[in-house]
């Protein structure tokens, strides 16, 4: 094994070990970010182990098409990779985006939205 591979593996293992002490759960890195959990709340860290999206959500999904579904106080919405809420946390149920569209439910009504949050007819 060459030195670059060994250093890379050491870096990854060190990051995982450090974060495993700080968090109750550290997920796999996907698109540069990993889901983390502490005391039943979720957020995201980058490959340097920096918390880039605060651990405050009741549930999160991995990013899909640049947005992640988040749940807070039994309502769902979407954030971007900076943690900015781009589609309000107001839906009762929400699924991840696929081909620019997500299925959502609000007050018993199921419909689809685009990545701006606009209802698609």
N, C-alpha and C. Protein backbone atom coordinates (compact mmCIF):
# COMPACT_ATOMS: atom_id res chain seq x y z
N UNK A 1 0.85 -1.17 0.00
CA UNK A 1 0.00 0.00 0.00
C UNK A 1 0.90 1.23 0.00
N UNK A 2 0.60 2.19 -0.86
CA UNK A 2 1.46 3.37 -0.90
C UNK A 2 1.09 4.36 0.21
N UNK A 3 1.96 5.29 0.46
CA UNK A 3 1.82 6.22 1.58
C UNK A 3 0.59 7.11 1.46
N UNK A 4 0.22 7.50 0.23
CA UNK A 4 -0.96 8.35 0.04
C UNK A 4 -2.23 7.61 0.46
N UNK A 5 -2.33 6.35 0.08
CA UNK A 5 -3.50 5.56 0.46
C UNK A 5 -3.55 5.38 1.97
N UNK A 6 -2.41 5.11 2.57
CA UNK A 6 -2.35 4.93 4.02
C UNK A 6 -2.75 6.21 4.76
N UNK A 7 -2.26 7.36 4.28
CA UNK A 7 -2.62 8.63 4.92
C UNK A 7 -4.11 8.93 4.76
N UNK A 8 -4.64 8.63 3.59
CA UNK A 8 -6.06 8.84 3.35
C UNK A 8 -6.90 7.98 4.30
N UNK A 9 -6.55 6.71 4.41
CA UNK A 9 -7.27 5.81 5.32
C UNK A 9 -7.16 6.27 6.76
N UNK A 10 -5.97 6.72 7.15
CA UNK A 10 -5.78 7.23 8.51
C UNK A 10 -6.68 8.44 8.75
N UNK A 11 -6.74 9.35 7.78
CA UNK A 11 -7.58 10.54 7.90
C UNK A 11 -9.05 10.16 8.07
N UNK A 12 -9.53 9.26 7.22
CA UNK A 12 -10.93 8.84 7.29
C UNK A 12 -11.22 8.18 8.63
N UNK A 13 -10.37 7.26 9.05
CA UNK A 13 -10.58 6.58 10.33
C UNK A 13 -10.51 7.54 11.50
N UNK A 14 -9.59 8.49 11.45
CA UNK A 14 -9.49 9.50 12.52
C UNK A 14 -10.75 10.34 12.61
N UNK A 15 -11.25 10.76 11.45
CA UNK A 15 -12.48 11.56 11.42
C UNK A 15 -13.65 10.78 12.00
N UNK A 16 -13.77 9.51 11.60
CA UNK A 16 -14.86 8.68 12.10
C UNK A 16 -14.72 8.48 13.61
N UNK A 17 -13.52 8.22 14.09
CA UNK A 17 -13.30 8.00 15.52
C UNK A 17 -13.62 9.27 16.32
N UNK A 18 -13.17 10.42 15.85
CA UNK A 18 -13.44 11.67 16.56
C UNK A 18 -14.94 11.95 16.60
N UNK A 19 -15.59 11.77 15.45
CA UNK A 19 -17.01 12.07 15.38
C UNK A 19 -17.86 11.05 16.13
N UNK A 20 -17.39 9.81 16.21
CA UNK A 20 -18.17 8.81 16.93
C UNK A 20 -18.21 9.11 18.42
N UNK A 21 -17.24 9.88 18.91
CA UNK A 21 -17.26 10.28 20.32
C UNK A 21 -18.18 11.49 20.53
N UNK A 22 -18.29 12.31 19.50
CA UNK A 22 -19.11 13.52 19.60
C UNK A 22 -20.59 13.25 19.32
N UNK A 23 -20.85 12.25 18.47
CA UNK A 23 -22.21 11.94 18.04
C UNK A 23 -22.57 10.51 18.43
N UNK A 24 -23.86 10.25 18.57
CA UNK A 24 -24.33 8.90 18.85
C UNK A 24 -24.31 8.05 17.58
N UNK A 25 -24.43 8.69 16.43
CA UNK A 25 -24.43 7.98 15.15
C UNK A 25 -23.80 8.88 14.09
N UNK A 26 -22.96 8.28 13.26
CA UNK A 26 -22.40 8.97 12.09
C UNK A 26 -22.67 8.09 10.89
N UNK A 27 -23.43 8.61 9.92
CA UNK A 27 -23.75 7.85 8.71
C UNK A 27 -22.63 7.88 7.71
N UNK A 28 -22.86 7.24 6.59
CA UNK A 28 -21.90 7.23 5.49
C UNK A 28 -21.90 8.60 4.82
N UNK A 29 -20.74 8.95 4.27
CA UNK A 29 -20.65 10.19 3.51
C UNK A 29 -21.28 9.97 2.15
N UNK A 30 -22.15 10.88 1.80
CA UNK A 30 -22.82 10.84 0.52
C UNK A 30 -22.81 12.25 -0.03
N UNK A 31 -22.20 12.42 -1.17
CA UNK A 31 -22.11 13.74 -1.79
C UNK A 31 -21.43 14.77 -0.87
N UNK A 32 -20.43 14.29 -0.11
CA UNK A 32 -19.63 15.16 0.73
C UNK A 32 -20.14 15.41 2.14
N UNK A 33 -21.34 14.91 2.46
CA UNK A 33 -21.92 15.13 3.78
C UNK A 33 -22.36 13.80 4.40
N UNK A 34 -22.32 13.74 5.72
CA UNK A 34 -22.80 12.56 6.44
C UNK A 34 -23.86 13.00 7.44
N UNK A 35 -24.89 12.18 7.58
CA UNK A 35 -25.91 12.41 8.61
C UNK A 35 -25.31 12.05 9.96
N UNK A 36 -25.56 12.91 10.95
CA UNK A 36 -25.14 12.61 12.32
C UNK A 36 -26.35 12.73 13.24
N UNK A 37 -26.28 11.99 14.36
CA UNK A 37 -27.37 12.01 15.33
C UNK A 37 -26.79 12.14 16.73
N UNK A 38 -27.42 12.97 17.53
CA UNK A 38 -27.04 13.12 18.93
C UNK A 38 -28.31 13.38 19.73
N UNK A 39 -28.53 12.54 20.73
CA UNK A 39 -29.69 12.68 21.60
C UNK A 39 -31.01 12.77 20.83
N UNK A 40 -31.13 11.96 19.77
CA UNK A 40 -32.38 11.89 19.03
C UNK A 40 -32.60 13.00 18.02
N UNK A 41 -31.62 13.86 17.80
CA UNK A 41 -31.72 14.94 16.81
C UNK A 41 -30.67 14.71 15.73
N UNK A 42 -30.94 15.22 14.51
CA UNK A 42 -30.09 14.95 13.36
C UNK A 42 -29.60 16.23 12.71
N UNK A 43 -28.44 16.12 12.07
CA UNK A 43 -27.84 17.19 11.28
C UNK A 43 -26.85 16.57 10.31
N UNK A 44 -25.91 17.40 9.80
CA UNK A 44 -24.93 16.92 8.83
C UNK A 44 -23.55 17.46 9.15
N UNK A 45 -22.53 16.65 8.86
CA UNK A 45 -21.13 17.08 8.94
C UNK A 45 -20.49 16.91 7.58
N UNK A 46 -19.40 17.67 7.36
CA UNK A 46 -18.64 17.49 6.13
C UNK A 46 -17.49 16.52 6.38
N UNK A 47 -16.67 16.29 5.38
CA UNK A 47 -15.59 15.30 5.49
C UNK A 47 -14.51 15.72 6.49
N UNK A 48 -14.47 16.99 6.85
CA UNK A 48 -13.52 17.45 7.87
C UNK A 48 -14.09 17.28 9.28
N UNK A 49 -15.31 16.77 9.37
CA UNK A 49 -15.94 16.57 10.67
C UNK A 49 -16.61 17.82 11.21
N UNK A 50 -16.69 18.87 10.39
CA UNK A 50 -17.33 20.11 10.81
C UNK A 50 -18.84 20.00 10.65
N UNK A 51 -19.55 20.43 11.65
CA UNK A 51 -21.01 20.41 11.61
C UNK A 51 -21.47 21.55 10.71
N UNK A 52 -21.94 21.22 9.52
CA UNK A 52 -22.34 22.23 8.55
C UNK A 52 -23.84 22.52 8.59
N UNK A 53 -24.60 21.56 9.12
CA UNK A 53 -26.04 21.76 9.33
C UNK A 53 -26.32 21.30 10.75
N UNK A 54 -26.81 22.20 11.59
CA UNK A 54 -26.97 21.91 13.01
C UNK A 54 -27.78 20.65 13.32
N UNK A 55 -27.42 19.99 14.39
CA UNK A 55 -28.12 18.80 14.87
C UNK A 55 -29.35 19.30 15.64
N UNK A 56 -30.45 19.48 14.89
CA UNK A 56 -31.67 20.03 15.49
C UNK A 56 -32.95 19.39 14.96
N UNK A 57 -32.82 18.57 13.93
CA UNK A 57 -34.00 18.01 13.27
C UNK A 57 -34.40 16.67 13.89
N UNK A 58 -35.70 16.38 13.86
CA UNK A 58 -36.22 15.12 14.37
C UNK A 58 -35.92 13.97 13.41
N UNK A 59 -35.76 14.28 12.13
CA UNK A 59 -35.41 13.29 11.12
C UNK A 59 -34.87 14.02 9.90
N UNK A 60 -34.01 13.36 9.14
CA UNK A 60 -33.48 13.92 7.90
C UNK A 60 -33.31 12.79 6.89
N UNK A 61 -33.22 13.17 5.62
CA UNK A 61 -32.87 12.21 4.58
C UNK A 61 -31.56 12.68 3.95
N UNK A 62 -30.91 11.79 3.21
CA UNK A 62 -29.74 12.22 2.46
C UNK A 62 -30.18 13.20 1.38
N UNK A 63 -29.24 13.99 0.90
CA UNK A 63 -29.54 14.96 -0.14
C UNK A 63 -29.85 14.26 -1.45
N UNK A 64 -30.85 14.75 -2.12
CA UNK A 64 -31.26 14.26 -3.43
C UNK A 64 -31.51 15.49 -4.30
N UNK A 65 -30.77 15.60 -5.37
CA UNK A 65 -30.90 16.74 -6.27
C UNK A 65 -30.65 18.06 -5.54
N UNK A 66 -29.72 18.04 -4.58
CA UNK A 66 -29.32 19.26 -3.87
C UNK A 66 -30.17 19.63 -2.67
N UNK A 67 -31.22 18.86 -2.40
CA UNK A 67 -32.10 19.15 -1.27
C UNK A 67 -32.25 17.92 -0.38
N UNK A 68 -32.39 18.16 0.92
CA UNK A 68 -32.65 17.09 1.87
C UNK A 68 -33.99 17.34 2.54
N UNK A 69 -34.76 16.27 2.70
CA UNK A 69 -36.01 16.36 3.44
C UNK A 69 -35.67 16.37 4.92
N UNK A 70 -36.26 17.30 5.66
CA UNK A 70 -36.05 17.38 7.10
C UNK A 70 -37.40 17.39 7.80
N UNK A 71 -37.39 16.90 9.04
CA UNK A 71 -38.60 16.90 9.84
C UNK A 71 -38.32 17.60 11.15
N UNK A 72 -39.23 18.47 11.55
CA UNK A 72 -39.11 19.21 12.79
C UNK A 72 -40.52 19.40 13.36
N UNK A 73 -40.72 18.95 14.58
CA UNK A 73 -42.03 19.07 15.23
C UNK A 73 -43.16 18.48 14.40
N UNK A 74 -42.89 17.29 13.84
CA UNK A 74 -43.87 16.51 13.07
C UNK A 74 -44.28 17.17 11.75
N UNK A 75 -43.48 18.09 11.26
CA UNK A 75 -43.71 18.71 9.96
C UNK A 75 -42.44 18.55 9.13
N UNK A 76 -42.62 18.47 7.80
CA UNK A 76 -41.49 18.24 6.89
C UNK A 76 -41.31 19.40 5.93
N UNK A 77 -40.08 19.57 5.50
CA UNK A 77 -39.72 20.56 4.49
C UNK A 77 -38.38 20.18 3.90
N UNK A 78 -37.72 21.13 3.24
CA UNK A 78 -36.47 20.83 2.54
C UNK A 78 -35.44 21.91 2.79
N UNK A 79 -34.18 21.46 2.95
CA UNK A 79 -33.06 22.38 3.12
C UNK A 79 -32.04 22.13 2.01
N UNK A 80 -31.20 23.15 1.77
CA UNK A 80 -30.09 22.96 0.83
C UNK A 80 -28.84 22.58 1.62
N UNK A 81 -27.72 22.44 0.96
CA UNK A 81 -26.50 21.96 1.61
C UNK A 81 -25.87 22.97 2.56
N UNK A 82 -26.38 24.19 2.58
CA UNK A 82 -25.90 25.18 3.57
C UNK A 82 -26.79 25.17 4.81
N UNK A 83 -27.88 24.41 4.76
CA UNK A 83 -28.82 24.37 5.87
C UNK A 83 -29.97 25.35 5.72
N UNK A 84 -29.96 26.10 4.62
CA UNK A 84 -31.03 27.08 4.38
C UNK A 84 -32.33 26.34 4.06
N UNK A 85 -33.39 26.73 4.73
CA UNK A 85 -34.72 26.16 4.46
C UNK A 85 -35.21 26.74 3.15
N UNK A 86 -35.26 25.92 2.11
CA UNK A 86 -35.65 26.41 0.79
C UNK A 86 -37.11 26.12 0.46
N UNK A 87 -37.67 25.11 1.11
CA UNK A 87 -39.11 24.83 1.00
C UNK A 87 -39.60 24.69 2.43
N UNK A 88 -40.57 25.50 2.84
CA UNK A 88 -40.99 25.57 4.25
C UNK A 88 -41.28 24.22 4.90
N UNK A 89 -40.97 24.14 6.17
CA UNK A 89 -41.26 22.95 6.97
C UNK A 89 -42.72 23.05 7.42
N UNK A 90 -43.60 22.54 6.54
CA UNK A 90 -45.04 22.67 6.80
C UNK A 90 -45.83 21.42 6.42
N UNK A 91 -45.20 20.49 5.70
CA UNK A 91 -45.92 19.32 5.20
C UNK A 91 -46.02 18.23 6.26
N UNK A 92 -47.11 17.48 6.21
CA UNK A 92 -47.30 16.36 7.14
C UNK A 92 -46.42 15.18 6.75
N UNK A 93 -46.25 14.96 5.47
CA UNK A 93 -45.39 13.92 4.93
C UNK A 93 -44.70 14.50 3.70
N UNK A 94 -43.44 14.12 3.50
CA UNK A 94 -42.71 14.55 2.30
C UNK A 94 -41.71 13.47 1.91
N UNK A 95 -41.54 13.29 0.62
CA UNK A 95 -40.59 12.32 0.09
C UNK A 95 -39.47 13.06 -0.62
N UNK A 96 -38.38 12.38 -0.86
CA UNK A 96 -37.22 12.97 -1.53
C UNK A 96 -37.54 13.32 -2.98
N UNK A 97 -36.78 14.28 -3.51
CA UNK A 97 -36.95 14.69 -4.89
C UNK A 97 -36.38 13.64 -5.85
N UNK A 98 -37.11 13.44 -6.94
CA UNK A 98 -36.67 12.60 -8.04
C UNK A 98 -37.09 13.28 -9.33
N UNK A 99 -36.12 13.54 -10.17
CA UNK A 99 -36.37 14.22 -11.45
C UNK A 99 -37.07 15.56 -11.23
N UNK A 100 -36.66 16.27 -10.16
CA UNK A 100 -37.17 17.61 -9.90
C UNK A 100 -38.53 17.69 -9.25
N UNK A 101 -39.08 16.54 -8.84
CA UNK A 101 -40.43 16.51 -8.27
C UNK A 101 -40.43 15.70 -6.98
N UNK A 102 -41.21 16.16 -5.99
CA UNK A 102 -41.38 15.42 -4.74
C UNK A 102 -42.86 15.31 -4.42
N UNK A 103 -43.24 14.17 -3.89
CA UNK A 103 -44.60 13.96 -3.41
C UNK A 103 -44.68 14.45 -1.97
N UNK A 104 -45.76 15.15 -1.65
CA UNK A 104 -45.97 15.66 -0.30
C UNK A 104 -47.44 15.48 0.10
N UNK A 105 -47.68 15.60 1.41
CA UNK A 105 -49.04 15.55 1.92
C UNK A 105 -49.21 16.68 2.93
N UNK A 106 -50.31 17.40 2.80
CA UNK A 106 -50.62 18.51 3.69
C UNK A 106 -52.12 18.49 3.98
N UNK A 107 -52.46 18.35 5.25
CA UNK A 107 -53.87 18.34 5.68
C UNK A 107 -54.71 17.33 4.91
N UNK A 108 -54.15 16.13 4.70
CA UNK A 108 -54.89 15.07 4.03
C UNK A 108 -54.89 15.13 2.52
N UNK A 109 -54.28 16.15 1.94
CA UNK A 109 -54.22 16.30 0.49
C UNK A 109 -52.83 15.91 0.00
N UNK A 110 -52.78 14.97 -0.94
CA UNK A 110 -51.52 14.54 -1.54
C UNK A 110 -51.33 15.26 -2.87
N UNK A 111 -50.12 15.76 -3.11
CA UNK A 111 -49.82 16.43 -4.37
C UNK A 111 -48.31 16.43 -4.58
N UNK A 112 -47.90 17.00 -5.69
CA UNK A 112 -46.48 17.08 -6.03
C UNK A 112 -46.04 18.53 -6.06
N UNK A 113 -44.75 18.72 -5.71
CA UNK A 113 -44.16 20.05 -5.76
C UNK A 113 -42.87 20.00 -6.57
N UNK A 114 -42.49 21.16 -7.11
CA UNK A 114 -41.19 21.25 -7.77
C UNK A 114 -40.16 21.75 -6.76
N UNK A 115 -38.93 21.94 -7.19
CA UNK A 115 -37.84 22.30 -6.26
C UNK A 115 -37.94 23.72 -5.72
N UNK A 116 -38.89 24.51 -6.21
CA UNK A 116 -39.13 25.83 -5.64
C UNK A 116 -40.26 25.78 -4.62
N UNK A 117 -40.91 24.59 -4.49
CA UNK A 117 -42.02 24.44 -3.57
C UNK A 117 -43.38 24.68 -4.20
N UNK A 118 -43.37 24.98 -5.50
CA UNK A 118 -44.62 25.24 -6.21
C UNK A 118 -45.35 23.94 -6.50
N UNK A 119 -46.66 23.96 -6.23
CA UNK A 119 -47.50 22.79 -6.49
C UNK A 119 -47.60 22.56 -7.99
N UNK A 120 -47.45 21.29 -8.37
CA UNK A 120 -47.52 20.90 -9.78
C UNK A 120 -48.91 20.31 -10.04
N UNK A 121 -49.53 20.80 -11.07
CA UNK A 121 -50.88 20.30 -11.40
C UNK A 121 -50.83 19.24 -12.45
